[in-house]
Amino acid sequence: MDLKNFNLAPLYAIDQEWAVLTAGEKEKFNAMTISWGGLGTIWNKPVVTVYVKPIRYTYEFMESNEYFTISFYNEEHRKDLGILGSKSGRDLDKVALTNLTPEFLENAISFKEAKLIIVCKKIYFQDLDIKNIDINSIPQSEIDRFYKTEPAHRMYIGEVIDIIDRRI
């Protein structure tokens, strides 16, 4: 199959547009820019899959909370997303460095400026096992780039329980 004949843009939305993963509670939460993830179905449920390394501050919030959001933004917020992806909430209030306004939803947190918010309930998680990476498909240099000095990502699957679409 020649994939050049297909519009693959939707498959790359998380990577190219960047998404913001947010988890926590009103009193304490963290958000980080993600470029790895996917949308799909499993167990007859619509789901979002995200990947977080244990060294990331957001990992603590993903572990201790049942819900999380991924959200998408217009290009005007690219600098804000860069801050969320390059600063650690452990060290400072990085949200205060952005033009984003926290939005406290029924079960989760996102930002008022988001054009699209997907609210998810965690239904599965598992650590990636780098021994299972096909080195014929992913070069060793790429594997080393991500995992030579840091632990592997944890994969979280969240059931989509709400979508807030402000594009319409």
N, C-alpha and C. Protein backbone atom coordinates (compact mmCIF):
# COMPACT_ATOMS: atom_id res chain seq x y z
N MET A 1 0.84 -1.17 0.00
CA MET A 1 0.00 0.00 0.00
C MET A 1 0.89 1.24 0.00
N ASP A 2 0.60 2.15 -0.88
CA ASP A 2 1.36 3.40 -0.99
C ASP A 2 0.64 4.48 -0.18
N LEU A 3 1.21 4.85 0.96
CA LEU A 3 0.56 5.82 1.84
C LEU A 3 0.59 7.24 1.27
N LYS A 4 1.36 7.47 0.22
CA LYS A 4 1.41 8.80 -0.38
C LYS A 4 0.05 9.20 -0.95
N ASN A 5 -0.82 8.24 -1.20
CA ASN A 5 -2.14 8.53 -1.77
C ASN A 5 -3.18 8.88 -0.71
N PHE A 6 -2.79 8.92 0.56
CA PHE A 6 -3.73 9.17 1.63
C PHE A 6 -3.38 10.45 2.36
N ASN A 7 -4.39 11.11 2.89
CA ASN A 7 -4.18 12.27 3.74
C ASN A 7 -3.90 11.77 5.15
N LEU A 8 -2.64 11.80 5.57
CA LEU A 8 -2.24 11.30 6.88
C LEU A 8 -2.26 12.38 7.95
N ALA A 9 -2.67 13.60 7.60
CA ALA A 9 -2.65 14.71 8.55
C ALA A 9 -3.35 14.39 9.87
N PRO A 10 -4.53 13.76 9.87
CA PRO A 10 -5.15 13.46 11.17
C PRO A 10 -4.30 12.56 12.07
N LEU A 11 -3.51 11.68 11.46
CA LEU A 11 -2.67 10.79 12.25
C LEU A 11 -1.50 11.52 12.91
N TYR A 12 -1.16 12.67 12.36
CA TYR A 12 -0.03 13.43 12.88
C TYR A 12 -0.46 14.67 13.67
N ALA A 13 -1.74 14.81 13.97
CA ALA A 13 -2.22 16.01 14.66
C ALA A 13 -1.52 16.21 16.01
N ILE A 14 -1.37 15.17 16.80
CA ILE A 14 -0.72 15.30 18.10
C ILE A 14 0.74 15.69 17.92
N ASP A 15 1.41 15.10 16.95
CA ASP A 15 2.82 15.37 16.72
C ASP A 15 3.06 16.77 16.17
N GLN A 16 2.34 17.14 15.13
CA GLN A 16 2.63 18.39 14.44
C GLN A 16 1.94 19.60 15.07
N GLU A 17 0.73 19.43 15.56
CA GLU A 17 0.05 20.55 16.21
C GLU A 17 0.47 20.68 17.67
N TRP A 18 1.00 19.64 18.21
CA TRP A 18 1.28 19.51 19.62
C TRP A 18 -0.04 19.50 20.38
N ALA A 19 -0.09 18.69 21.37
CA ALA A 19 -1.24 18.65 22.25
C ALA A 19 -0.72 18.94 23.66
N VAL A 20 -1.61 19.34 24.52
CA VAL A 20 -1.26 19.56 25.91
C VAL A 20 -1.96 18.48 26.74
N LEU A 21 -1.17 17.76 27.51
CA LEU A 21 -1.68 16.76 28.44
C LEU A 21 -1.74 17.42 29.81
N THR A 22 -2.90 17.37 30.44
CA THR A 22 -3.08 17.99 31.75
C THR A 22 -3.72 16.98 32.69
N ALA A 23 -3.17 16.89 33.90
CA ALA A 23 -3.72 15.99 34.91
C ALA A 23 -3.55 16.64 36.28
N GLY A 24 -4.43 16.28 37.18
CA GLY A 24 -4.35 16.80 38.54
C GLY A 24 -5.71 17.26 39.04
N GLU A 25 -5.67 18.07 40.06
CA GLU A 25 -6.87 18.61 40.68
C GLU A 25 -6.76 20.12 40.74
N LYS A 26 -7.86 20.77 41.05
CA LYS A 26 -7.89 22.23 41.06
C LYS A 26 -6.76 22.82 41.91
N GLU A 27 -6.49 22.20 43.04
CA GLU A 27 -5.47 22.71 43.96
C GLU A 27 -4.06 22.51 43.43
N LYS A 28 -3.86 21.45 42.66
CA LYS A 28 -2.52 21.14 42.17
C LYS A 28 -2.62 20.28 40.91
N PHE A 29 -2.06 20.80 39.84
CA PHE A 29 -2.10 20.08 38.57
C PHE A 29 -0.85 20.42 37.78
N ASN A 30 -0.65 19.70 36.69
CA ASN A 30 0.46 20.00 35.80
C ASN A 30 0.03 19.74 34.37
N ALA A 31 0.64 20.49 33.47
CA ALA A 31 0.37 20.34 32.05
C ALA A 31 1.70 20.25 31.32
N MET A 32 1.74 19.44 30.29
CA MET A 32 2.95 19.33 29.47
C MET A 32 2.55 19.16 28.01
N THR A 33 3.38 19.68 27.15
CA THR A 33 3.17 19.49 25.73
C THR A 33 3.58 18.07 25.36
N ILE A 34 2.76 17.43 24.55
CA ILE A 34 3.09 16.09 24.08
C ILE A 34 3.09 16.08 22.55
N SER A 35 3.91 15.22 22.00
CA SER A 35 3.89 15.03 20.55
C SER A 35 3.77 13.54 20.21
N TRP A 36 3.65 12.71 21.21
CA TRP A 36 3.41 11.29 21.00
C TRP A 36 2.03 10.96 21.53
N GLY A 37 1.29 10.20 20.79
CA GLY A 37 -0.03 9.78 21.25
C GLY A 37 -0.85 9.30 20.08
N GLY A 38 -2.05 8.88 20.39
CA GLY A 38 -2.91 8.40 19.33
C GLY A 38 -4.37 8.40 19.75
N LEU A 39 -5.21 8.36 18.75
CA LEU A 39 -6.65 8.29 18.94
C LEU A 39 -7.12 7.00 18.28
N GLY A 40 -8.03 6.31 18.92
CA GLY A 40 -8.51 5.07 18.33
C GLY A 40 -9.58 4.42 19.17
N THR A 41 -9.64 3.10 19.09
CA THR A 41 -10.62 2.35 19.87
C THR A 41 -9.95 1.09 20.42
N ILE A 42 -10.43 0.69 21.58
CA ILE A 42 -10.04 -0.59 22.18
C ILE A 42 -11.18 -0.99 23.12
N TRP A 43 -11.45 -2.26 23.19
CA TRP A 43 -12.52 -2.79 24.04
C TRP A 43 -13.86 -2.08 23.75
N ASN A 44 -14.08 -1.77 22.46
CA ASN A 44 -15.30 -1.11 22.01
C ASN A 44 -15.49 0.27 22.60
N LYS A 45 -14.39 0.93 22.95
CA LYS A 45 -14.46 2.28 23.52
C LYS A 45 -13.57 3.22 22.71
N PRO A 46 -14.00 4.47 22.55
CA PRO A 46 -13.10 5.45 21.94
C PRO A 46 -12.03 5.82 22.96
N VAL A 47 -10.78 5.87 22.53
CA VAL A 47 -9.69 6.10 23.48
C VAL A 47 -8.64 7.05 22.93
N VAL A 48 -7.87 7.59 23.87
CA VAL A 48 -6.68 8.36 23.60
C VAL A 48 -5.53 7.61 24.26
N THR A 49 -4.41 7.50 23.58
CA THR A 49 -3.21 6.90 24.14
C THR A 49 -2.15 7.98 24.23
N VAL A 50 -1.54 8.11 25.42
CA VAL A 50 -0.46 9.08 25.62
C VAL A 50 0.71 8.37 26.29
N TYR A 51 1.88 8.98 26.19
CA TYR A 51 3.12 8.39 26.71
C TYR A 51 3.83 9.43 27.57
N VAL A 52 4.18 9.03 28.80
CA VAL A 52 4.84 9.95 29.72
C VAL A 52 5.99 9.23 30.40
N LYS A 53 7.15 9.87 30.41
CA LYS A 53 8.31 9.28 31.11
C LYS A 53 8.18 9.52 32.62
N PRO A 54 8.63 8.56 33.42
CA PRO A 54 8.56 8.70 34.88
C PRO A 54 9.32 9.91 35.43
N ILE A 55 10.28 10.43 34.68
CA ILE A 55 11.03 11.59 35.16
C ILE A 55 10.25 12.89 35.00
N ARG A 56 9.17 12.88 34.23
CA ARG A 56 8.39 14.09 34.02
C ARG A 56 7.48 14.35 35.23
N TYR A 57 7.33 15.61 35.58
CA TYR A 57 6.48 15.99 36.71
C TYR A 57 5.03 15.55 36.49
N THR A 58 4.56 15.61 35.27
CA THR A 58 3.19 15.21 34.96
C THR A 58 2.93 13.75 35.29
N TYR A 59 3.97 12.94 35.25
CA TYR A 59 3.84 11.51 35.57
C TYR A 59 3.17 11.32 36.94
N GLU A 60 3.60 12.09 37.93
CA GLU A 60 3.02 11.99 39.28
C GLU A 60 1.51 12.23 39.24
N PHE A 61 1.09 13.18 38.44
CA PHE A 61 -0.32 13.51 38.35
C PHE A 61 -1.11 12.46 37.57
N MET A 62 -0.47 11.90 36.56
CA MET A 62 -1.12 10.81 35.82
C MET A 62 -1.30 9.59 36.71
N GLU A 63 -0.33 9.34 37.56
CA GLU A 63 -0.41 8.18 38.45
C GLU A 63 -1.47 8.35 39.53
N SER A 64 -1.65 9.55 40.02
CA SER A 64 -2.52 9.76 41.18
C SER A 64 -3.91 10.27 40.84
N ASN A 65 -4.21 10.42 39.55
CA ASN A 65 -5.53 10.90 39.15
C ASN A 65 -6.18 9.98 38.15
N GLU A 66 -7.49 9.91 38.23
CA GLU A 66 -8.26 9.02 37.37
C GLU A 66 -8.52 9.61 35.99
N TYR A 67 -8.52 10.94 35.90
CA TYR A 67 -8.86 11.62 34.65
C TYR A 67 -7.71 12.48 34.15
N PHE A 68 -7.68 12.69 32.85
CA PHE A 68 -6.73 13.62 32.24
C PHE A 68 -7.36 14.21 30.99
N THR A 69 -6.77 15.28 30.48
CA THR A 69 -7.24 15.86 29.23
C THR A 69 -6.08 15.98 28.25
N ILE A 70 -6.42 15.92 26.98
CA ILE A 70 -5.50 16.41 25.97
C ILE A 70 -6.26 17.52 25.24
N SER A 71 -5.53 18.56 24.91
CA SER A 71 -6.17 19.71 24.30
C SER A 71 -5.31 20.25 23.17
N PHE A 72 -5.98 20.90 22.22
CA PHE A 72 -5.32 21.45 21.04
C PHE A 72 -5.61 22.95 20.96
N TYR A 73 -4.69 23.69 20.33
CA TYR A 73 -4.73 25.15 20.34
C TYR A 73 -4.45 25.71 18.96
N ASN A 74 -4.89 26.93 18.75
CA ASN A 74 -4.55 27.64 17.53
C ASN A 74 -3.07 28.02 17.56
N GLU A 75 -2.55 28.33 16.40
CA GLU A 75 -1.12 28.65 16.24
C GLU A 75 -0.68 29.81 17.14
N GLU A 76 -1.56 30.71 17.46
CA GLU A 76 -1.20 31.87 18.30
C GLU A 76 -0.71 31.46 19.69
N HIS A 77 -0.99 30.23 20.09
CA HIS A 77 -0.57 29.74 21.41
C HIS A 77 0.67 28.85 21.34
N ARG A 78 1.35 28.83 20.21
CA ARG A 78 2.52 27.96 20.03
C ARG A 78 3.61 28.28 21.07
N LYS A 79 3.83 29.55 21.35
CA LYS A 79 4.83 29.94 22.35
C LYS A 79 4.44 29.40 23.74
N ASP A 80 3.15 29.49 24.08
CA ASP A 80 2.67 28.97 25.36
C ASP A 80 2.92 27.47 25.46
N LEU A 81 2.64 26.75 24.36
CA LEU A 81 2.86 25.31 24.35
C LEU A 81 4.35 24.99 24.46
N GLY A 82 5.18 25.83 23.89
CA GLY A 82 6.63 25.67 24.02
C GLY A 82 7.07 25.78 25.47
N ILE A 83 6.48 26.71 26.20
CA ILE A 83 6.80 26.87 27.63
C ILE A 83 6.36 25.64 28.40
N LEU A 84 5.14 25.14 28.13
CA LEU A 84 4.65 23.96 28.84
C LEU A 84 5.49 22.73 28.55
N GLY A 85 6.14 22.71 27.39
CA GLY A 85 6.97 21.57 27.02
C GLY A 85 8.42 21.68 27.43
N SER A 86 8.87 22.88 27.77
CA SER A 86 10.30 23.05 28.07
C SER A 86 10.60 23.39 29.53
N LYS A 87 9.61 23.78 30.28
CA LYS A 87 9.79 24.12 31.70
C LYS A 87 9.15 23.03 32.55
N SER A 88 9.67 22.86 33.76
CA SER A 88 9.10 21.87 34.68
C SER A 88 8.24 22.55 35.73
N GLY A 89 7.04 22.03 35.92
CA GLY A 89 6.16 22.52 36.97
C GLY A 89 6.70 22.23 38.36
N ARG A 90 7.68 21.36 38.45
CA ARG A 90 8.34 21.08 39.72
C ARG A 90 9.12 22.31 40.21
N ASP A 91 9.67 23.05 39.25
CA ASP A 91 10.58 24.15 39.55
C ASP A 91 9.90 25.51 39.65
N LEU A 92 8.79 25.67 38.96
CA LEU A 92 8.13 26.98 38.92
C LEU A 92 6.70 26.84 38.44
N ASP A 93 5.94 27.91 38.56
CA ASP A 93 4.56 27.94 38.06
C ASP A 93 4.63 28.28 36.57
N LYS A 94 4.82 27.27 35.75
CA LYS A 94 5.03 27.53 34.33
C LYS A 94 3.76 28.03 33.65
N VAL A 95 2.59 27.69 34.17
CA VAL A 95 1.35 28.19 33.59
C VAL A 95 1.31 29.71 33.69
N ALA A 96 1.85 30.26 34.77
CA ALA A 96 1.88 31.71 34.96
C ALA A 96 2.75 32.40 33.90
N LEU A 97 3.64 31.67 33.26
CA LEU A 97 4.49 32.23 32.21
C LEU A 97 3.79 32.26 30.86
N THR A 98 2.61 31.67 30.78
CA THR A 98 1.85 31.58 29.53
C THR A 98 0.67 32.54 29.55
N ASN A 99 -0.02 32.60 28.43
CA ASN A 99 -1.28 33.35 28.33
C ASN A 99 -2.47 32.40 28.42
N LEU A 100 -2.28 31.26 29.05
CA LEU A 100 -3.34 30.26 29.17
C LEU A 100 -4.04 30.39 30.52
N THR A 101 -5.35 30.15 30.51
CA THR A 101 -6.18 30.27 31.71
C THR A 101 -6.69 28.89 32.09
N PRO A 102 -6.32 28.37 33.27
CA PRO A 102 -6.83 27.06 33.67
C PRO A 102 -8.36 27.02 33.67
N GLU A 103 -8.88 25.91 33.22
CA GLU A 103 -10.33 25.70 33.18
C GLU A 103 -10.62 24.40 33.92
N PHE A 104 -11.39 24.51 34.98
CA PHE A 104 -11.67 23.37 35.83
C PHE A 104 -13.00 22.75 35.40
N LEU A 105 -12.89 21.59 34.81
CA LEU A 105 -14.05 20.86 34.31
C LEU A 105 -14.57 19.95 35.42
N GLU A 106 -15.63 19.23 35.14
CA GLU A 106 -16.22 18.35 36.15
C GLU A 106 -15.22 17.34 36.72
N ASN A 107 -14.47 16.69 35.84
CA ASN A 107 -13.55 15.64 36.28
C ASN A 107 -12.09 15.92 35.98
N ALA A 108 -11.80 17.01 35.32
CA ALA A 108 -10.44 17.22 34.84
C ALA A 108 -10.15 18.71 34.67
N ILE A 109 -8.95 18.98 34.16
CA ILE A 109 -8.49 20.35 33.98
C ILE A 109 -7.96 20.52 32.56
N SER A 110 -8.24 21.69 32.01
CA SER A 110 -7.67 22.06 30.73
C SER A 110 -7.46 23.58 30.75
N PHE A 111 -7.57 24.21 29.57
CA PHE A 111 -7.37 25.65 29.48
C PHE A 111 -8.45 26.26 28.60
N LYS A 112 -8.92 27.43 28.98
CA LYS A 112 -10.02 28.11 28.27
C LYS A 112 -9.69 28.41 26.83
N GLU A 113 -8.42 28.57 26.51
CA GLU A 113 -8.01 28.92 25.15
C GLU A 113 -7.99 27.73 24.19
N ALA A 114 -8.19 26.53 24.70
CA ALA A 114 -8.15 25.33 23.85
C ALA A 114 -9.27 25.36 22.82
N LYS A 115 -8.93 24.98 21.59
CA LYS A 115 -9.96 24.88 20.56
C LYS A 115 -10.67 23.52 20.61
N LEU A 116 -9.97 22.54 21.19
CA LEU A 116 -10.54 21.20 21.30
C LEU A 116 -9.98 20.55 22.57
N ILE A 117 -10.87 20.03 23.40
CA ILE A 117 -10.47 19.36 24.64
C ILE A 117 -11.06 17.96 24.63
N ILE A 118 -10.23 16.97 24.89
CA ILE A 118 -10.70 15.59 25.01
C ILE A 118 -10.47 15.17 26.45
N VAL A 119 -11.57 14.88 27.14
CA VAL A 119 -11.52 14.46 28.54
C VAL A 119 -11.49 12.94 28.57
N CYS A 120 -10.53 12.39 29.32
CA CYS A 120 -10.32 10.94 29.33
C CYS A 120 -10.31 10.40 30.75
N LYS A 121 -10.81 9.18 30.88
CA LYS A 121 -10.74 8.42 32.14
C LYS A 121 -9.72 7.31 31.91
N LYS A 122 -8.72 7.26 32.77
CA LYS A 122 -7.66 6.26 32.64
C LYS A 122 -8.25 4.86 32.78
N ILE A 123 -7.99 4.00 31.78
CA ILE A 123 -8.48 2.63 31.87
C ILE A 123 -7.37 1.59 31.77
N TYR A 124 -6.16 2.02 31.42
CA TYR A 124 -5.05 1.07 31.29
C TYR A 124 -3.74 1.83 31.29
N PHE A 125 -2.70 1.18 31.80
CA PHE A 125 -1.35 1.73 31.68
C PHE A 125 -0.36 0.58 31.64
N GLN A 126 0.78 0.85 31.04
CA GLN A 126 1.85 -0.15 30.96
C GLN A 126 3.13 0.55 30.57
N ASP A 127 4.23 0.11 31.17
CA ASP A 127 5.53 0.65 30.80
C ASP A 127 5.98 0.02 29.48
N LEU A 128 6.56 0.85 28.61
CA LEU A 128 7.12 0.31 27.38
C LEU A 128 8.36 -0.51 27.72
N ASP A 129 8.53 -1.61 27.03
CA ASP A 129 9.71 -2.46 27.21
C ASP A 129 10.59 -2.28 25.98
N ILE A 130 11.70 -1.60 26.17
CA ILE A 130 12.54 -1.28 25.00
C ILE A 130 13.11 -2.52 24.32
N LYS A 131 13.11 -3.65 25.01
CA LYS A 131 13.56 -4.90 24.36
C LYS A 131 12.60 -5.32 23.25
N ASN A 132 11.38 -4.81 23.30
CA ASN A 132 10.37 -5.19 22.30
C ASN A 132 10.33 -4.25 21.10
N ILE A 133 11.21 -3.26 21.04
CA ILE A 133 11.26 -2.36 19.90
C ILE A 133 11.95 -3.08 18.74
N ASP A 134 11.32 -3.07 17.59
CA ASP A 134 11.86 -3.72 16.40
C ASP A 134 13.00 -2.87 15.84
N ILE A 135 14.23 -3.32 16.04
CA ILE A 135 15.38 -2.53 15.59
C ILE A 135 15.52 -2.50 14.07
N ASN A 136 14.74 -3.32 13.38
CA ASN A 136 14.72 -3.23 11.91
C ASN A 136 13.86 -2.06 11.46
N SER A 137 12.95 -1.61 12.32
CA SER A 137 12.07 -0.48 12.00
C SER A 137 12.53 0.81 12.67
N ILE A 138 13.02 0.70 13.87
CA ILE A 138 13.49 1.86 14.64
C ILE A 138 14.98 1.68 14.86
N PRO A 139 15.80 2.55 14.28
CA PRO A 139 17.25 2.39 14.41
C PRO A 139 17.72 2.49 15.87
N GLN A 140 18.77 1.79 16.18
CA GLN A 140 19.32 1.81 17.54
C GLN A 140 19.65 3.23 17.99
N SER A 141 20.08 4.06 17.05
CA SER A 141 20.41 5.45 17.41
C SER A 141 19.17 6.19 17.94
N GLU A 142 18.01 5.89 17.39
CA GLU A 142 16.77 6.50 17.88
C GLU A 142 16.40 5.95 19.25
N ILE A 143 16.56 4.66 19.42
CA ILE A 143 16.27 4.04 20.72
C ILE A 143 17.19 4.64 21.78
N ASP A 144 18.47 4.77 21.45
CA ASP A 144 19.43 5.36 22.39
C ASP A 144 19.09 6.82 22.68
N ARG A 145 18.64 7.52 21.68
CA ARG A 145 18.28 8.94 21.86
C ARG A 145 17.23 9.12 22.95
N PHE A 146 16.28 8.22 23.00
CA PHE A 146 15.20 8.34 23.97
C PHE A 146 15.45 7.60 25.28
N TYR A 147 16.23 6.52 25.25
CA TYR A 147 16.27 5.64 26.41
C TYR A 147 17.66 5.29 26.94
N LYS A 148 18.71 5.84 26.37
CA LYS A 148 20.04 5.47 26.84
C LYS A 148 20.27 5.91 28.29
N THR A 149 19.78 7.09 28.65
CA THR A 149 20.02 7.62 30.00
C THR A 149 18.75 7.82 30.81
N GLU A 150 17.59 7.52 30.21
CA GLU A 150 16.32 7.73 30.91
C GLU A 150 15.45 6.48 30.79
N PRO A 151 14.55 6.29 31.75
CA PRO A 151 13.65 5.14 31.68
C PRO A 151 12.65 5.29 30.53
N ALA A 152 12.07 4.18 30.16
CA ALA A 152 11.08 4.16 29.08
C ALA A 152 9.79 4.85 29.49
N HIS A 153 9.05 5.27 28.51
CA HIS A 153 7.76 5.90 28.73
C HIS A 153 6.76 4.92 29.36
N ARG A 154 5.80 5.46 30.06
CA ARG A 154 4.62 4.70 30.47
C ARG A 154 3.51 5.09 29.50
N MET A 155 2.83 4.09 28.99
CA MET A 155 1.70 4.31 28.09
C MET A 155 0.42 4.32 28.93
N TYR A 156 -0.39 5.32 28.70
CA TYR A 156 -1.70 5.41 29.35
C TYR A 156 -2.77 5.39 28.27
N ILE A 157 -3.79 4.59 28.50
CA ILE A 157 -4.95 4.59 27.62
C ILE A 157 -6.10 5.17 28.42
N GLY A 158 -6.72 6.20 27.85
CA GLY A 158 -7.85 6.84 28.51
C GLY A 158 -9.10 6.74 27.65
N GLU A 159 -10.19 6.31 28.26
CA GLU A 159 -11.47 6.29 27.56
C GLU A 159 -11.95 7.73 27.38
N VAL A 160 -12.35 8.07 26.19
CA VAL A 160 -12.88 9.41 25.93
C VAL A 160 -14.27 9.50 26.55
N ILE A 161 -14.41 10.40 27.52
CA ILE A 161 -15.72 10.54 28.17
C ILE A 161 -16.41 11.86 27.80
N ASP A 162 -15.65 12.80 27.22
CA ASP A 162 -16.25 14.06 26.79
C ASP A 162 -15.33 14.72 25.78
N ILE A 163 -15.92 15.44 24.86
CA ILE A 163 -15.17 16.24 23.90
C ILE A 163 -15.79 17.63 23.89
N ILE A 164 -14.95 18.62 24.11
CA ILE A 164 -15.40 20.01 24.06
C ILE A 164 -14.78 20.61 22.80
N ASP A 165 -15.61 20.87 21.82
CA ASP A 165 -15.14 21.34 20.51
C ASP A 165 -15.54 22.80 20.33
N ARG A 166 -14.58 23.69 20.39
CA ARG A 166 -14.84 25.12 20.25
C ARG A 166 -14.53 25.62 18.84
N ARG A 167 -14.26 24.71 17.94
CA ARG A 167 -13.94 25.10 16.56
C ARG A 167 -15.19 25.46 15.79
N ILE A 168 -16.34 25.07 16.31
CA ILE A 168 -17.60 25.32 15.58
C ILE A 168 -18.37 26.48 16.18
